[in-house]
Each structure stands twice: as C-alpha cells, then as structure tokens.
Amino acid sequence: MPKGKRKRIDLKKLTKGQLRKLKALRKSLGDDIAERAFAQWYARQSMANVTAADKNASAIALTLWKLVQAKKLRIGRRGYVIKRGRGRLIVEPASRPKPPSRKKS
C-alpha cells in the first residue's frame, strides 16, 4: 500500500477489545506494521462475524409465526421456553427474574 493512500483506523468506531488488540500490536510490532496487521485482521473479522442462523430455531419460529398470523396462537410478552424431555416437548412460560432478596436488620 502506498504511504500516501493508506487509510487511518477510526478509533472511535472500535470496541474496547479491538482497541486493546490494536494497542498490543502497536506495542509489540511498531506502529506501521501494527496498523497493517490490524487492518487485515479487522477486515477478516468483519466477514467472520456474519453467523449463520440456527436452522432449528428458524424452523420453529417460521412454524409458530404462521400460527400467530392465522390467529390460532398467541404468545405473551414474556414468551415461552421450549425444552426437550423423554420423547416429548416441554413448553413452559418464561419466568420473570426474581428481585434480589432484602434482608431485614
């Protein structure tokens, strides 16, 4: 890459972990090499972050969504938890997190 056309890394757009990585690279390799290495890693990282959706979860969601649209199923605000158990499915209402207990003095 010619020195005049090299892109500078926008530090404001990086996460805390990415900043730590860049700082460590700069400390161990020097600024010029670290910038190039980080830019290559960052480019590969952005492509790798695109994760494939879970096929089972999307099949369940699609099936349930069809029932919701046909108004044969209504899902509450808190949702449900689906578990598998001994040859059957267990569907339970999602529990609300319990507030921390207060000790009386």
PDB file of N, CA and C in Angstrom:
ATOM      1  N   MET A   1       0.838  -1.171   0.000  1.00  0.00           N
ATOM      2  CA  MET A   1       0.000   0.000   0.000  1.00  0.00           C
ATOM      3  C   MET A   1       0.888   1.242   0.000  1.00  0.00           C
ATOM      4  N   PRO A   2       0.696   2.166  -0.906  1.00  0.00           N
ATOM      5  CA  PRO A   2       1.492   3.390  -0.868  1.00  0.00           C
ATOM      6  C   PRO A   2       1.204   4.186   0.403  1.00  0.00           C
ATOM      7  N   LYS A   3       2.236   4.834   0.891  1.00  0.00           N
ATOM      8  CA  LYS A   3       2.087   5.543   2.162  1.00  0.00           C
ATOM      9  C   LYS A   3       1.082   6.687   2.089  1.00  0.00           C
ATOM     10  N   GLY A   4       0.966   7.338   0.956  1.00  0.00           N
ATOM     11  CA  GLY A   4       0.056   8.465   0.825  1.00  0.00           C
ATOM     12  C   GLY A   4      -1.406   8.055   0.822  1.00  0.00           C
ATOM     13  N   LYS A   5      -1.728   6.840   0.386  1.00  0.00           N
ATOM     14  CA  LYS A   5      -3.118   6.418   0.240  1.00  0.00           C
ATOM     15  C   LYS A   5      -3.592   5.486   1.349  1.00  0.00           C
ATOM     16  N   ARG A   6      -2.789   5.297   2.376  1.00  0.00           N
ATOM     17  CA  ARG A   6      -3.166   4.376   3.438  1.00  0.00           C
ATOM     18  C   ARG A   6      -4.293   4.961   4.276  1.00  0.00           C
ATOM     19  N   LYS A   7      -5.308   4.140   4.553  1.00  0.00           N
ATOM     20  CA  LYS A   7      -6.439   4.587   5.362  1.00  0.00           C
ATOM     21  C   LYS A   7      -6.040   4.548   6.831  1.00  0.00           C
ATOM     22  N   ARG A   8      -6.445   5.549   7.563  1.00  0.00           N
ATOM     23  CA  ARG A   8      -6.221   5.573   9.002  1.00  0.00           C
ATOM     24  C   ARG A   8      -7.380   4.863   9.675  1.00  0.00           C
ATOM     25  N   ILE A   9      -7.111   4.230  10.767  1.00  0.00           N
ATOM     26  CA  ILE A   9      -8.136   3.491  11.503  1.00  0.00           C
ATOM     27  C   ILE A   9      -8.906   4.482  12.372  1.00  0.00           C
ATOM     28  N   ASP A  10     -10.226   4.451  12.272  1.00  0.00           N
ATOM     29  CA  ASP A  10     -11.079   5.324  13.073  1.00  0.00           C
ATOM     30  C   ASP A  10     -11.227   4.694  14.458  1.00  0.00           C
ATOM     31  N   LEU A  11     -10.545   5.241  15.428  1.00  0.00           N
ATOM     32  CA  LEU A  11     -10.523   4.663  16.768  1.00  0.00           C
ATOM     33  C   LEU A  11     -11.873   4.772  17.466  1.00  0.00           C
ATOM     34  N   LYS A  12     -12.707   5.728  17.070  1.00  0.00           N
ATOM     35  CA  LYS A  12     -13.994   5.917  17.725  1.00  0.00           C
ATOM     36  C   LYS A  12     -14.982   4.806  17.391  1.00  0.00           C
ATOM     37  N   LYS A  13     -14.770   4.121  16.262  1.00  0.00           N
ATOM     38  CA  LYS A  13     -15.682   3.067  15.848  1.00  0.00           C
ATOM     39  C   LYS A  13     -15.298   1.695  16.402  1.00  0.00           C
ATOM     40  N   LEU A  14     -14.129   1.591  17.017  1.00  0.00           N
ATOM     41  CA  LEU A  14     -13.657   0.302  17.522  1.00  0.00           C
ATOM     42  C   LEU A  14     -14.215   0.014  18.908  1.00  0.00           C
ATOM     43  N   THR A  15     -14.398  -1.279  19.189  1.00  0.00           N
ATOM     44  CA  THR A  15     -14.835  -1.682  20.517  1.00  0.00           C
ATOM     45  C   THR A  15     -13.642  -1.675  21.468  1.00  0.00           C
ATOM     46  N   LYS A  16     -13.921  -1.868  22.736  1.00  0.00           N
ATOM     47  CA  LYS A  16     -12.854  -1.870  23.731  1.00  0.00           C
ATOM     48  C   LYS A  16     -11.848  -2.996  23.468  1.00  0.00           C
ATOM     49  N   GLY A  17     -12.338  -4.162  23.101  1.00  0.00           N
ATOM     50  CA  GLY A  17     -11.465  -5.293  22.805  1.00  0.00           C
ATOM     51  C   GLY A  17     -10.596  -5.049  21.584  1.00  0.00           C
ATOM     52  N   GLN A  18     -11.188  -4.427  20.563  1.00  0.00           N
ATOM     53  CA  GLN A  18     -10.429  -4.127  19.353  1.00  0.00           C
ATOM     54  C   GLN A  18      -9.351  -3.087  19.638  1.00  0.00           C
ATOM     55  N   LEU A  19      -9.666  -2.106  20.482  1.00  0.00           N
ATOM     56  CA  LEU A  19      -8.662  -1.116  20.864  1.00  0.00           C
ATOM     57  C   LEU A  19      -7.507  -1.759  21.631  1.00  0.00           C
ATOM     58  N   ARG A  20      -7.835  -2.703  22.492  1.00  0.00           N
ATOM     59  CA  ARG A  20      -6.787  -3.404  23.241  1.00  0.00           C
ATOM     60  C   ARG A  20      -5.871  -4.179  22.302  1.00  0.00           C
ATOM     61  N   LYS A  21      -6.472  -4.833  21.298  1.00  0.00           N
ATOM     62  CA  LYS A  21      -5.693  -5.596  20.336  1.00  0.00           C
ATOM     63  C   LYS A  21      -4.773  -4.667  19.548  1.00  0.00           C
ATOM     64  N   LEU A  22      -5.303  -3.544  19.088  1.00  0.00           N
ATOM     65  CA  LEU A  22      -4.504  -2.589  18.329  1.00  0.00           C
ATOM     66  C   LEU A  22      -3.354  -2.052  19.176  1.00  0.00           C
ATOM     67  N   LYS A  23      -3.648  -1.738  20.421  1.00  0.00           N
ATOM     68  CA  LYS A  23      -2.614  -1.209  21.321  1.00  0.00           C
ATOM     69  C   LYS A  23      -1.517  -2.246  21.563  1.00  0.00           C
ATOM     70  N   ALA A  24      -1.923  -3.503  21.740  1.00  0.00           N
ATOM     71  CA  ALA A  24      -0.938  -4.564  21.957  1.00  0.00           C
ATOM     72  C   ALA A  24      -0.086  -4.779  20.710  1.00  0.00           C
ATOM     73  N   LEU A  25      -0.718  -4.740  19.537  1.00  0.00           N
ATOM     74  CA  LEU A  25       0.045  -4.888  18.294  1.00  0.00           C
ATOM     75  C   LEU A  25       1.033  -3.739  18.117  1.00  0.00           C
ATOM     76  N   ARG A  26       0.582  -2.524  18.411  1.00  0.00           N
ATOM     77  CA  ARG A  26       1.476  -1.371  18.289  1.00  0.00           C
ATOM     78  C   ARG A  26       2.660  -1.487  19.234  1.00  0.00           C
ATOM     79  N   LYS A  27       2.393  -1.990  20.420  1.00  0.00           N
ATOM     80  CA  LYS A  27       3.445  -2.111  21.437  1.00  0.00           C
ATOM     81  C   LYS A  27       4.480  -3.159  21.035  1.00  0.00           C
ATOM     82  N   SER A  28       4.008  -4.263  20.436  1.00  0.00           N
ATOM     83  CA  SER A  28       4.939  -5.344  20.120  1.00  0.00           C
ATOM     84  C   SER A  28       5.557  -5.230  18.728  1.00  0.00           C
ATOM     85  N   LEU A  29       4.830  -4.682  17.746  1.00  0.00           N
ATOM     86  CA  LEU A  29       5.328  -4.672  16.371  1.00  0.00           C
ATOM     87  C   LEU A  29       5.729  -3.303  15.848  1.00  0.00           C
ATOM     88  N   GLY A  30       5.314  -2.258  16.504  1.00  0.00           N
ATOM     89  CA  GLY A  30       5.562  -0.918  15.986  1.00  0.00           C
ATOM     90  C   GLY A  30       4.320  -0.420  15.262  1.00  0.00           C
ATOM     91  N   ASP A  31       4.227   0.891  15.091  1.00  0.00           N
ATOM     92  CA  ASP A  31       3.010   1.499  14.567  1.00  0.00           C
ATOM     93  C   ASP A  31       2.669   1.076  13.137  1.00  0.00           C
ATOM     94  N   ASP A  32       3.647   1.137  12.225  1.00  0.00           N
ATOM     95  CA  ASP A  32       3.349   0.864  10.813  1.00  0.00           C
ATOM     96  C   ASP A  32       2.910  -0.576  10.583  1.00  0.00           C
ATOM     97  N   ILE A  33       3.667  -1.510  11.100  1.00  0.00           N
ATOM     98  CA  ILE A  33       3.338  -2.926  10.905  1.00  0.00           C
ATOM     99  C   ILE A  33       2.043  -3.271  11.636  1.00  0.00           C
ATOM    100  N   ALA A  34       1.872  -2.709  12.815  1.00  0.00           N
ATOM    101  CA  ALA A  34       0.672  -2.985  13.611  1.00  0.00           C
ATOM    102  C   ALA A  34      -0.581  -2.477  12.907  1.00  0.00           C
ATOM    103  N   GLU A  35      -0.503  -1.306  12.282  1.00  0.00           N
ATOM    104  CA  GLU A  35      -1.657  -0.756  11.570  1.00  0.00           C
ATOM    105  C   GLU A  35      -2.063  -1.679  10.420  1.00  0.00           C
ATOM    106  N   ARG A  36      -1.076  -2.147   9.660  1.00  0.00           N
ATOM    107  CA  ARG A  36      -1.377  -3.037   8.529  1.00  0.00           C
ATOM    108  C   ARG A  36      -1.930  -4.370   9.020  1.00  0.00           C
ATOM    109  N   ALA A  37      -1.314  -4.935  10.067  1.00  0.00           N
ATOM    110  CA  ALA A  37      -1.768  -6.221  10.599  1.00  0.00           C
ATOM    111  C   ALA A  37      -3.174  -6.110  11.164  1.00  0.00           C
ATOM    112  N   PHE A  38      -3.436  -5.029  11.877  1.00  0.00           N
ATOM    113  CA  PHE A  38      -4.763  -4.840  12.454  1.00  0.00           C
ATOM    114  C   PHE A  38      -5.810  -4.650  11.365  1.00  0.00           C
ATOM    115  N   ALA A  39      -5.473  -3.900  10.320  1.00  0.00           N
ATOM    116  CA  ALA A  39      -6.416  -3.664   9.221  1.00  0.00           C
ATOM    117  C   ALA A  39      -6.778  -4.986   8.540  1.00  0.00           C
ATOM    118  N   GLN A  40      -5.789  -5.853   8.326  1.00  0.00           N
ATOM    119  CA  GLN A  40      -6.070  -7.161   7.720  1.00  0.00           C
ATOM    120  C   GLN A  40      -6.924  -8.009   8.647  1.00  0.00           C
ATOM    121  N   TRP A  41      -6.591  -8.031   9.929  1.00  0.00           N
ATOM    122  CA  TRP A  41      -7.361  -8.820  10.904  1.00  0.00           C
ATOM    123  C   TRP A  41      -8.788  -8.296  10.996  1.00  0.00           C
ATOM    124  N   TYR A  42      -8.933  -6.979  11.019  1.00  0.00           N
ATOM    125  CA  TYR A  42     -10.248  -6.356  11.156  1.00  0.00           C
ATOM    126  C   TYR A  42     -11.131  -6.665   9.941  1.00  0.00           C
ATOM    127  N   ALA A  43     -10.534  -6.667   8.755  1.00  0.00           N
ATOM    128  CA  ALA A  43     -11.291  -6.978   7.538  1.00  0.00           C
ATOM    129  C   ALA A  43     -11.778  -8.423   7.571  1.00  0.00           C
ATOM    130  N   ARG A  44     -10.912  -9.332   7.997  1.00  0.00           N
ATOM    131  CA  ARG A  44     -11.314 -10.745   8.097  1.00  0.00           C
ATOM    132  C   ARG A  44     -12.335 -10.940   9.204  1.00  0.00           C
ATOM    133  N   GLN A  45     -12.207 -10.202  10.292  1.00  0.00           N
ATOM    134  CA  GLN A  45     -13.102 -10.323  11.436  1.00  0.00           C
ATOM    135  C   GLN A  45     -14.512  -9.884  11.071  1.00  0.00           C
ATOM    136  N   SER A  46     -14.652  -8.813  10.293  1.00  0.00           N
ATOM    137  CA  SER A  46     -15.985  -8.355   9.933  1.00  0.00           C
ATOM    138  C   SER A  46     -16.708  -9.364   9.063  1.00  0.00           C
ATOM    139  N   MET A  47     -15.978 -10.071   8.201  1.00  0.00           N
ATOM    140  CA  MET A  47     -16.616 -11.094   7.371  1.00  0.00           C
ATOM    141  C   MET A  47     -16.979 -12.320   8.197  1.00  0.00           C
ATOM    142  N   ALA A  48     -16.180 -12.637   9.197  1.00  0.00           N
ATOM    143  CA  ALA A  48     -16.418 -13.831  10.012  1.00  0.00           C
ATOM    144  C   ALA A  48     -17.565 -13.621  11.001  1.00  0.00           C
ATOM    145  N   ASN A  49     -17.886 -12.375  11.335  1.00  0.00           N
ATOM    146  CA  ASN A  49     -18.940 -12.102  12.305  1.00  0.00           C
ATOM    147  C   ASN A  49     -20.335 -12.396  11.771  1.00  0.00           C
ATOM    148  N   VAL A  50     -20.470 -12.555  10.481  1.00  0.00           N
ATOM    149  CA  VAL A  50     -21.767 -12.882   9.905  1.00  0.00           C
ATOM    150  C   VAL A  50     -22.007 -14.365  10.189  1.00  0.00           C
ATOM    151  N   THR A  51     -22.841 -14.634  11.174  1.00  0.00           N
ATOM    152  CA  THR A  51     -23.074 -16.010  11.584  1.00  0.00           C
ATOM    153  C   THR A  51     -24.326 -16.554  10.918  1.00  0.00           C
ATOM    154  N   ALA A  52     -24.275 -17.830  10.632  1.00  0.00           N
ATOM    155  CA  ALA A  52     -25.440 -18.483  10.041  1.00  0.00           C
ATOM    156  C   ALA A  52     -26.486 -18.695  11.127  1.00  0.00           C
ATOM    157  N   ALA A  53     -27.742 -18.514  10.770  1.00  0.00           N
ATOM    158  CA  ALA A  53     -28.818 -18.690  11.737  1.00  0.00           C
ATOM    159  C   ALA A  53     -28.979 -20.172  12.062  1.00  0.00           C
ATOM    160  N   ASP A  54     -29.409 -20.442  13.265  1.00  0.00           N
ATOM    161  CA  ASP A  54     -29.667 -21.812  13.689  1.00  0.00           C
ATOM    162  C   ASP A  54     -30.866 -22.341  12.908  1.00  0.00           C
ATOM    163  N   LYS A  55     -30.682 -23.435  12.180  1.00  0.00           N
ATOM    164  CA  LYS A  55     -31.746 -23.966  11.325  1.00  0.00           C
ATOM    165  C   LYS A  55     -32.950 -24.417  12.142  1.00  0.00           C
ATOM    166  N   ASN A  56     -32.711 -25.037  13.295  1.00  0.00           N
ATOM    167  CA  ASN A  56     -33.820 -25.495  14.131  1.00  0.00           C
ATOM    168  C   ASN A  56     -34.628 -24.317  14.672  1.00  0.00           C
ATOM    169  N   ALA A  57     -33.930 -23.293  15.135  1.00  0.00           N
ATOM    170  CA  ALA A  57     -34.621 -22.125  15.692  1.00  0.00           C
ATOM    171  C   ALA A  57     -35.439 -21.421  14.616  1.00  0.00           C
ATOM    172  N   SER A  58     -34.883 -21.313  13.411  1.00  0.00           N
ATOM    173  CA  SER A  58     -35.642 -20.641  12.357  1.00  0.00           C
ATOM    174  C   SER A  58     -36.837 -21.480  11.907  1.00  0.00           C
ATOM    175  N   ALA A  59     -36.723 -22.811  11.932  1.00  0.00           N
ATOM    176  CA  ALA A  59     -37.859 -23.664  11.574  1.00  0.00           C
ATOM    177  C   ALA A  59     -38.978 -23.538  12.606  1.00  0.00           C
ATOM    178  N   ILE A  60     -38.616 -23.499  13.891  1.00  0.00           N
ATOM    179  CA  ILE A  60     -39.608 -23.336  14.963  1.00  0.00           C
ATOM    180  C   ILE A  60     -40.284 -21.971  14.831  1.00  0.00           C
ATOM    181  N   ALA A  61     -39.470 -20.933  14.612  1.00  0.00           N
ATOM    182  CA  ALA A  61     -40.021 -19.575  14.503  1.00  0.00           C
ATOM    183  C   ALA A  61     -40.961 -19.458  13.309  1.00  0.00           C
ATOM    184  N   LEU A  62     -40.588 -20.036  12.184  1.00  0.00           N
ATOM    185  CA  LEU A  62     -41.434 -19.964  10.999  1.00  0.00           C
ATOM    186  C   LEU A  62     -42.766 -20.674  11.223  1.00  0.00           C
ATOM    187  N   THR A  63     -42.716 -21.854  11.828  1.00  0.00           N
ATOM    188  CA  THR A  63     -43.936 -22.606  12.100  1.00  0.00           C
ATOM    189  C   THR A  63     -44.848 -21.857  13.065  1.00  0.00           C
ATOM    190  N   LEU A  64     -44.270 -21.328  14.130  1.00  0.00           N
ATOM    191  CA  LEU A  64     -45.074 -20.601  15.107  1.00  0.00           C
ATOM    192  C   LEU A  64     -45.605 -19.289  14.529  1.00  0.00           C
ATOM    193  N   TRP A  65     -44.805 -18.633  13.685  1.00  0.00           N
ATOM    194  CA  TRP A  65     -45.246 -17.374  13.110  1.00  0.00           C
ATOM    195  C   TRP A  65     -46.469 -17.574  12.221  1.00  0.00           C
ATOM    196  N   LYS A  66     -46.501 -18.685  11.492  1.00  0.00           N
ATOM    197  CA  LYS A  66     -47.672 -18.985  10.657  1.00  0.00           C
ATOM    198  C   LYS A  66     -48.919 -19.145  11.526  1.00  0.00           C
ATOM    199  N   LEU A  67     -48.768 -19.786  12.682  1.00  0.00           N
ATOM    200  CA  LEU A  67     -49.898 -19.953  13.596  1.00  0.00           C
ATOM    201  C   LEU A  67     -50.329 -18.622  14.210  1.00  0.00           C
ATOM    202  N   VAL A  68     -49.368 -17.759  14.508  1.00  0.00           N
ATOM    203  CA  VAL A  68     -49.687 -16.441  15.066  1.00  0.00           C
ATOM    204  C   VAL A  68     -50.447 -15.611  14.036  1.00  0.00           C
ATOM    205  N   GLN A  69     -50.013 -15.653  12.788  1.00  0.00           N
ATOM    206  CA  GLN A  69     -50.692 -14.888  11.742  1.00  0.00           C
ATOM    207  C   GLN A  69     -52.104 -15.410  11.482  1.00  0.00           C
ATOM    208  N   ALA A  70     -52.289 -16.728  11.636  1.00  0.00           N
ATOM    209  CA  ALA A  70     -53.619 -17.307  11.447  1.00  0.00           C
ATOM    210  C   ALA A  70     -54.490 -17.119  12.688  1.00  0.00           C
ATOM    211  N   LYS A  71     -53.951 -16.462  13.706  1.00  0.00           N
ATOM    212  CA  LYS A  71     -54.633 -16.195  14.974  1.00  0.00           C
ATOM    213  C   LYS A  71     -55.063 -17.474  15.688  1.00  0.00           C
ATOM    214  N   LYS A  72     -54.257 -18.517  15.539  1.00  0.00           N
ATOM    215  CA  LYS A  72     -54.502 -19.768  16.256  1.00  0.00           C
ATOM    216  C   LYS A  72     -53.590 -19.894  17.467  1.00  0.00           C
ATOM    217  N   LEU A  73     -52.645 -18.955  17.586  1.00  0.00           N
ATOM    218  CA  LEU A  73     -51.684 -18.996  18.677  1.00  0.00           C
ATOM    219  C   LEU A  73     -51.389 -17.571  19.106  1.00  0.00           C
ATOM    220  N   ARG A  74     -51.354 -17.373  20.422  1.00  0.00           N
ATOM    221  CA  ARG A  74     -51.000 -16.071  20.960  1.00  0.00           C
ATOM    222  C   ARG A  74     -49.850 -16.252  21.937  1.00  0.00           C
ATOM    223  N   ILE A  75     -48.789 -15.524  21.725  1.00  0.00           N
ATOM    224  CA  ILE A  75     -47.617 -15.625  22.589  1.00  0.00           C
ATOM    225  C   ILE A  75     -47.570 -14.376  23.451  1.00  0.00           C
ATOM    226  N   GLY A  76     -47.480 -14.577  24.756  1.00  0.00           N
ATOM    227  CA  GLY A  76     -47.444 -13.455  25.695  1.00  0.00           C
ATOM    228  C   GLY A  76     -46.156 -12.666  25.609  1.00  0.00           C
ATOM    229  N   ARG A  77     -46.116 -11.588  26.345  1.00  0.00           N
ATOM    230  CA  ARG A  77     -44.958 -10.703  26.310  1.00  0.00           C
ATOM    231  C   ARG A  77     -43.696 -11.354  26.855  1.00  0.00           C
ATOM    232  N   ARG A  78     -43.838 -12.190  27.856  1.00  0.00           N
ATOM    233  CA  ARG A  78     -42.664 -12.807  28.467  1.00  0.00           C
ATOM    234  C   ARG A  78     -42.146 -13.978  27.650  1.00  0.00           C
ATOM    235  N   GLY A  79     -42.986 -14.550  26.795  1.00  0.00           N
ATOM    236  CA  GLY A  79     -42.542 -15.646  25.951  1.00  0.00           C
ATOM    237  C   GLY A  79     -42.608 -16.996  26.639  1.00  0.00           C
ATOM    238  N   TYR A  80     -42.047 -17.984  25.972  1.00  0.00           N
ATOM    239  CA  TYR A  80     -42.060 -19.353  26.469  1.00  0.00           C
ATOM    240  C   TYR A  80     -40.692 -19.975  26.291  1.00  0.00           C
ATOM    241  N   VAL A  81     -40.445 -21.014  27.066  1.00  0.00           N
ATOM    242  CA  VAL A  81     -39.218 -21.781  26.963  1.00  0.00           C
ATOM    243  C   VAL A  81     -39.597 -23.163  26.456  1.00  0.00           C
ATOM    244  N   ILE A  82     -38.925 -23.626  25.407  1.00  0.00           N
ATOM    245  CA  ILE A  82     -39.193 -24.941  24.846  1.00  0.00           C
ATOM    246  C   ILE A  82     -38.024 -25.845  25.200  1.00  0.00           C
ATOM    247  N   LYS A  83     -38.329 -26.972  25.828  1.00  0.00           N
ATOM    248  CA  LYS A  83     -37.307 -27.943  26.201  1.00  0.00           C
ATOM    249  C   LYS A  83     -37.684 -29.308  25.638  1.00  0.00           C
ATOM    250  N   ARG A  84     -36.696 -30.147  25.502  1.00  0.00           N
ATOM    251  CA  ARG A  84     -36.947 -31.497  25.037  1.00  0.00           C
ATOM    252  C   ARG A  84     -36.780 -32.427  26.225  1.00  0.00           C
ATOM    253  N   GLY A  85     -37.742 -33.331  26.394  1.00  0.00           N
ATOM    254  CA  GLY A  85     -37.639 -34.235  27.523  1.00  0.00           C
ATOM    255  C   GLY A  85     -38.323 -35.559  27.259  1.00  0.00           C
ATOM    256  N   ARG A  86     -37.592 -36.637  27.336  1.00  0.00           N
ATOM    257  CA  ARG A  86     -38.079 -38.022  27.246  1.00  0.00           C
ATOM    258  C   ARG A  86     -39.154 -38.232  26.178  1.00  0.00           C
ATOM    259  N   GLY A  87     -38.830 -37.921  24.945  1.00  0.00           N
ATOM    260  CA  GLY A  87     -39.738 -38.188  23.851  1.00  0.00           C
ATOM    261  C   GLY A  87     -40.865 -37.191  23.688  1.00  0.00           C
ATOM    262  N   ARG A  88     -40.786 -36.056  24.329  1.00  0.00           N
ATOM    263  CA  ARG A  88     -41.829 -35.050  24.189  1.00  0.00           C
ATOM    264  C   ARG A  88     -41.211 -33.662  24.305  1.00  0.00           C
ATOM    265  N   LEU A  89     -41.997 -32.664  24.007  1.00  0.00           N
ATOM    266  CA  LEU A  89     -41.561 -31.286  24.186  1.00  0.00           C
ATOM    267  C   LEU A  89     -42.208 -30.716  25.435  1.00  0.00           C
ATOM    268  N   ILE A  90     -41.443 -29.946  26.161  1.00  0.00           N
ATOM    269  CA  ILE A  90     -41.948 -29.287  27.361  1.00  0.00           C
ATOM    270  C   ILE A  90     -41.958 -27.793  27.073  1.00  0.00           C
ATOM    271  N   VAL A  91     -43.139 -27.200  27.129  1.00  0.00           N
ATOM    272  CA  VAL A  91     -43.293 -25.771  26.881  1.00  0.00           C
ATOM    273  C   VAL A  91     -43.731 -25.129  28.189  1.00  0.00           C
ATOM    274  N   GLU A  92     -42.916 -24.196  28.679  1.00  0.00           N
ATOM    275  CA  GLU A  92     -43.204 -23.518  29.941  1.00  0.00           C
ATOM    276  C   GLU A  92     -43.183 -22.015  29.722  1.00  0.00           C
ATOM    277  N   PRO A  93     -43.982 -21.291  30.466  1.00  0.00           N
ATOM    278  CA  PRO A  93     -43.876 -19.832  30.387  1.00  0.00           C
ATOM    279  C   PRO A  93     -42.502 -19.399  30.894  1.00  0.00           C
ATOM    280  N   ALA A  94     -41.907 -18.440  30.225  1.00  0.00           N
ATOM    281  CA  ALA A  94     -40.611 -17.935  30.666  1.00  0.00           C
ATOM    282  C   ALA A  94     -40.793 -17.232  31.996  1.00  0.00           C
ATOM    283  N   SER A  95     -39.942 -17.538  32.932  1.00  0.00           N
ATOM    284  CA  SER A  95     -40.096 -16.951  34.263  1.00  0.00           C
ATOM    285  C   SER A  95     -39.449 -15.575  34.308  1.00  0.00           C
ATOM    286  N   ARG A  96     -40.037 -14.736  35.098  1.00  0.00           N
ATOM    287  CA  ARG A  96     -39.502 -13.407  35.315  1.00  0.00           C
ATOM    288  C   ARG A  96     -38.359 -13.540  36.318  1.00  0.00           C
ATOM    289  N   PRO A  97     -37.259 -12.826  36.105  1.00  0.00           N
ATOM    290  CA  PRO A  97     -36.166 -12.911  37.080  1.00  0.00           C
ATOM    291  C   PRO A  97     -36.631 -12.409  38.446  1.00  0.00           C
ATOM    292  N   LYS A  98     -36.235 -13.131  39.486  1.00  0.00           N
ATOM    293  CA  LYS A  98     -36.637 -12.755  40.831  1.00  0.00           C
ATOM    294  C   LYS A  98     -35.843 -11.566  41.310  1.00  0.00           C
ATOM    295  N   PRO A  99     -36.506 -10.620  41.976  1.00  0.00           N
ATOM    296  CA  PRO A  99     -35.765  -9.476  42.508  1.00  0.00           C
ATOM    297  C   PRO A  99     -34.861  -9.942  43.639  1.00  0.00           C
ATOM    298  N   PRO A 100     -33.762  -9.229  43.857  1.00  0.00           N
ATOM    299  CA  PRO A 100     -32.857  -9.629  44.937  1.00  0.00           C
ATOM    300  C   PRO A 100     -33.584  -9.565  46.291  1.00  0.00           C
ATOM    301  N   SER A 101     -33.295 -10.534  47.140  1.00  0.00           N
ATOM    302  CA  SER A 101     -33.951 -10.574  48.449  1.00  0.00           C
ATOM    303  C   SER A 101     -33.377  -9.494  49.347  1.00  0.00           C
ATOM    304  N   ARG A 102     -34.268  -8.918  50.141  1.00  0.00           N
ATOM    305  CA  ARG A 102     -33.840  -7.875  51.085  1.00  0.00           C
ATOM    306  C   ARG A 102     -33.799  -8.483  52.469  1.00  0.00           C
ATOM    307  N   LYS A 103     -32.673  -8.359  53.097  1.00  0.00           N
ATOM    308  CA  LYS A 103     -32.538  -8.869  54.454  1.00  0.00           C
ATOM    309  C   LYS A 103     -32.999  -7.803  55.441  1.00  0.00           C
ATOM    310  N   LYS A 104     -33.810  -8.241  56.387  1.00  0.00           N
ATOM    311  CA  LYS A 104     -34.262  -7.306  57.414  1.00  0.00           C
ATOM    312  C   LYS A 104     -33.248  -7.279  58.545  1.00  0.00           C
ATOM    313  N   SER A 105     -32.907  -6.076  58.973  1.00  0.00           N
ATOM    314  CA  SER A 105     -31.923  -5.943  60.049  1.00  0.00           C
ATOM    315  C   SER A 105     -32.575  -5.814  61.373  1.00  0.00           C
TER     316      SER A 105
END
